[in-house]
Amino acid sequence: MRLPADLFRPQVRGADGLEVRYFQRRDLPAAIEFAEAGGIAVHRNFDRYHGTLSPRGIAMDRPFLHVIGLRSQLQAWGAGYGLRPEWIQPEKRRRVAHYDVFGEHAERLLERLGVAGEV
């Protein structure tokens, strides 16, 4: 019997009712598919940005995550974490947009998803 790949994927349902799942670096296509279906995908990105400045002038520290979703769901999710809508990175080739989340904020998000020690 073959089990679905996401059966054991860490997921939570936020107070806003949105389903949030964590995806490893290699799972970007699955993360985008999940986000396009209306979920919030937390995708681990490469930490090569460590020490650089964000467009907002904030030093970016590892871990580095993309939080991916349809713009309306992403805004609702971000509002619950104090993230401003203008910080959303625009949609490009796909229907989804994303927040860049890094440093302490990323660590806390990984802890909430129960994957802090796995990355």
C-alpha atoms as a PDB file:
ATOM      1  CA  MET A   1       0.000   0.000   0.000  1.00  0.00           C
ATOM      2  CA  ARG A   2       1.371   3.423  -0.935  1.00  0.00           C
ATOM      3  CA  LEU A   3       0.657   6.254   1.499  1.00  0.00           C
ATOM      4  CA  PRO A   4       0.215   9.865   0.350  1.00  0.00           C
ATOM      5  CA  ALA A   5       3.480  11.810   0.468  1.00  0.00           C
ATOM      6  CA  ASP A   6       1.984  14.508   2.693  1.00  0.00           C
ATOM      7  CA  LEU A   7       0.400  12.148   5.216  1.00  0.00           C
ATOM      8  CA  PHE A   8       3.021  12.945   7.854  1.00  0.00           C
ATOM      9  CA  ARG A   9       3.751  16.497   6.743  1.00  0.00           C
ATOM     10  CA  PRO A  10       3.568  18.910   9.694  1.00  0.00           C
ATOM     11  CA  GLN A  11       0.440  21.006   9.443  1.00  0.00           C
ATOM     12  CA  VAL A  12      -1.645  23.245  11.645  1.00  0.00           C
ATOM     13  CA  ARG A  13      -4.879  25.140  11.279  1.00  0.00           C
ATOM     14  CA  GLY A  14      -4.582  28.749  12.375  1.00  0.00           C
ATOM     15  CA  ALA A  15      -7.119  30.849  14.231  1.00  0.00           C
ATOM     16  CA  ASP A  16      -8.030  32.289  10.830  1.00  0.00           C
ATOM     17  CA  GLY A  17      -9.056  28.780   9.683  1.00  0.00           C
ATOM     18  CA  LEU A  18      -6.257  28.518   7.128  1.00  0.00           C
ATOM     19  CA  GLU A  19      -4.364  25.246   6.830  1.00  0.00           C
ATOM     20  CA  VAL A  20      -0.609  25.763   7.136  1.00  0.00           C
ATOM     21  CA  ARG A  21       1.920  23.105   6.069  1.00  0.00           C
ATOM     22  CA  TYR A  22       5.705  22.940   6.094  1.00  0.00           C
ATOM     23  CA  PHE A  23       7.609  21.870   2.965  1.00  0.00           C
ATOM     24  CA  GLN A  24      11.309  21.011   2.658  1.00  0.00           C
ATOM     25  CA  ARG A  25      13.532  22.725   0.066  1.00  0.00           C
ATOM     26  CA  ARG A  26      13.090  19.926  -2.473  1.00  0.00           C
ATOM     27  CA  ASP A  27       9.277  20.101  -2.173  1.00  0.00           C
ATOM     28  CA  LEU A  28       8.758  23.484  -3.856  1.00  0.00           C
ATOM     29  CA  PRO A  29       6.364  22.152  -6.556  1.00  0.00           C
ATOM     30  CA  ALA A  30       4.172  20.545  -3.879  1.00  0.00           C
ATOM     31  CA  ALA A  31       4.284  23.743  -1.794  1.00  0.00           C
ATOM     32  CA  ILE A  32       3.123  25.839  -4.736  1.00  0.00           C
ATOM     33  CA  GLU A  33       0.363  23.360  -5.580  1.00  0.00           C
ATOM     34  CA  PHE A  34      -0.844  23.413  -1.954  1.00  0.00           C
ATOM     35  CA  ALA A  35      -0.804  27.228  -1.886  1.00  0.00           C
ATOM     36  CA  GLU A  36      -2.644  27.492  -5.214  1.00  0.00           C
ATOM     37  CA  ALA A  37      -5.364  25.271  -3.704  1.00  0.00           C
ATOM     38  CA  GLY A  38      -5.883  27.814  -0.898  1.00  0.00           C
ATOM     39  CA  GLY A  39      -3.481  26.691   1.836  1.00  0.00           C
ATOM     40  CA  ILE A  40      -0.498  28.466   3.349  1.00  0.00           C
ATOM     41  CA  ALA A  41       2.771  26.731   2.476  1.00  0.00           C
ATOM     42  CA  VAL A  42       5.849  27.360   4.600  1.00  0.00           C
ATOM     43  CA  HIS A  43       8.799  26.478   2.381  1.00  0.00           C
ATOM     44  CA  ARG A  44      12.382  26.248   3.605  1.00  0.00           C
ATOM     45  CA  ASN A  45      14.600  28.296   1.333  1.00  0.00           C
ATOM     46  CA  PHE A  46      18.389  28.317   1.126  1.00  0.00           C
ATOM     47  CA  ASP A  47      20.125  30.277   3.874  1.00  0.00           C
ATOM     48  CA  ARG A  48      22.477  32.028   1.443  1.00  0.00           C
ATOM     49  CA  TYR A  49      20.832  35.354   2.313  1.00  0.00           C
ATOM     50  CA  HIS A  50      22.327  35.245   5.832  1.00  0.00           C
ATOM     51  CA  GLY A  51      23.757  38.659   6.694  1.00  0.00           C
ATOM     52  CA  THR A  52      22.335  40.579   3.712  1.00  0.00           C
ATOM     53  CA  LEU A  53      19.852  43.415   4.043  1.00  0.00           C
ATOM     54  CA  SER A  54      16.203  43.011   3.088  1.00  0.00           C
ATOM     55  CA  PRO A  55      14.485  45.634   0.924  1.00  0.00           C
ATOM     56  CA  ARG A  56      13.174  47.070   4.225  1.00  0.00           C
ATOM     57  CA  GLY A  57      16.755  47.483   5.509  1.00  0.00           C
ATOM     58  CA  ILE A  58      16.588  44.621   8.019  1.00  0.00           C
ATOM     59  CA  ALA A  59      19.534  42.216   8.327  1.00  0.00           C
ATOM     60  CA  MET A  60      18.368  38.759   7.274  1.00  0.00           C
ATOM     61  CA  ASP A  61      19.498  35.851   9.454  1.00  0.00           C
ATOM     62  CA  ARG A  62      18.961  32.130   8.993  1.00  0.00           C
ATOM     63  CA  PRO A  63      16.724  30.240   8.839  1.00  0.00           C
ATOM     64  CA  PHE A  64      15.160  31.699   5.722  1.00  0.00           C
ATOM     65  CA  LEU A  65      11.582  30.740   4.782  1.00  0.00           C
ATOM     66  CA  HIS A  66       9.055  31.622   2.129  1.00  0.00           C
ATOM     67  CA  VAL A  67       5.442  31.660   3.272  1.00  0.00           C
ATOM     68  CA  ILE A  68       3.459  31.086   0.084  1.00  0.00           C
ATOM     69  CA  GLY A  69      -0.241  31.582  -0.647  1.00  0.00           C
ATOM     70  CA  LEU A  70      -2.896  33.259  -2.699  1.00  0.00           C
ATOM     71  CA  ARG A  71      -2.706  36.963  -1.928  1.00  0.00           C
ATOM     72  CA  SER A  72      -6.026  37.118  -0.018  1.00  0.00           C
ATOM     73  CA  GLN A  73      -5.143  34.100   2.176  1.00  0.00           C
ATOM     74  CA  LEU A  74      -1.608  35.370   2.649  1.00  0.00           C
ATOM     75  CA  GLN A  75      -2.873  38.758   3.847  1.00  0.00           C
ATOM     76  CA  ALA A  76      -5.220  37.062   6.337  1.00  0.00           C
ATOM     77  CA  TRP A  77      -2.437  34.822   7.621  1.00  0.00           C
ATOM     78  CA  GLY A  78       0.078  37.684   7.818  1.00  0.00           C
ATOM     79  CA  ALA A  79      -2.325  39.909   9.749  1.00  0.00           C
ATOM     80  CA  GLY A  80      -2.316  37.332  12.544  1.00  0.00           C
ATOM     81  CA  TYR A  81       1.468  37.652  12.839  1.00  0.00           C
ATOM     82  CA  GLY A  82       1.815  41.413  12.492  1.00  0.00           C
ATOM     83  CA  LEU A  83       3.026  41.246   8.887  1.00  0.00           C
ATOM     84  CA  ARG A  84       1.984  44.102   6.653  1.00  0.00           C
ATOM     85  CA  PRO A  85       0.374  43.454   3.249  1.00  0.00           C
ATOM     86  CA  GLU A  86       2.903  45.655   1.468  1.00  0.00           C
ATOM     87  CA  TRP A  87       5.640  43.208   2.525  1.00  0.00           C
ATOM     88  CA  ILE A  88       4.141  40.498   0.307  1.00  0.00           C
ATOM     89  CA  GLN A  89       6.396  39.674  -2.627  1.00  0.00           C
ATOM     90  CA  PRO A  90       4.431  39.853  -5.889  1.00  0.00           C
ATOM     91  CA  GLU A  91       3.048  37.040  -7.971  1.00  0.00           C
ATOM     92  CA  LYS A  92       5.197  36.313 -10.994  1.00  0.00           C
ATOM     93  CA  ARG A  93       4.765  33.242 -13.164  1.00  0.00           C
ATOM     94  CA  ARG A  94       2.295  31.663 -10.753  1.00  0.00           C
ATOM     95  CA  ARG A  95      -0.914  32.697  -8.999  1.00  0.00           C
ATOM     96  CA  VAL A  96       0.739  32.740  -5.580  1.00  0.00           C
ATOM     97  CA  ALA A  97       2.719  35.406  -3.753  1.00  0.00           C
ATOM     98  CA  HIS A  98       4.957  35.061  -0.695  1.00  0.00           C
ATOM     99  CA  TYR A  99       6.372  36.622   2.439  1.00  0.00           C
ATOM    100  CA  ASP A 100      10.077  36.328   3.234  1.00  0.00           C
ATOM    101  CA  VAL A 101      10.403  35.228   6.865  1.00  0.00           C
ATOM    102  CA  PHE A 102      13.806  34.866   8.489  1.00  0.00           C
ATOM    103  CA  GLY A 103      15.722  34.849  11.752  1.00  0.00           C
ATOM    104  CA  GLU A 104      13.821  34.723  15.047  1.00  0.00           C
ATOM    105  CA  HIS A 105      10.432  34.979  13.340  1.00  0.00           C
ATOM    106  CA  ALA A 106      11.245  31.966  11.148  1.00  0.00           C
ATOM    107  CA  GLU A 107      12.469  29.973  14.150  1.00  0.00           C
ATOM    108  CA  ARG A 108       9.222  30.629  16.033  1.00  0.00           C
ATOM    109  CA  LEU A 109       7.157  29.671  12.988  1.00  0.00           C
ATOM    110  CA  LEU A 110       9.102  26.410  12.622  1.00  0.00           C
ATOM    111  CA  GLU A 111       8.521  25.686  16.325  1.00  0.00           C
ATOM    112  CA  ARG A 112       4.755  26.240  15.916  1.00  0.00           C
ATOM    113  CA  LEU A 113       4.776  23.774  13.018  1.00  0.00           C
ATOM    114  CA  GLY A 114       6.784  21.264  15.057  1.00  0.00           C
ATOM    115  CA  VAL A 115       9.724  21.104  12.643  1.00  0.00           C
ATOM    116  CA  ALA A 116      12.315  23.307  14.358  1.00  0.00           C
ATOM    117  CA  GLY A 117      14.778  20.455  14.924  1.00  0.00           C
ATOM    118  CA  GLU A 118      14.359  18.934  11.441  1.00  0.00           C
ATOM    119  CA  VAL A 119      15.830  21.735   9.332  1.00  0.00           C
END
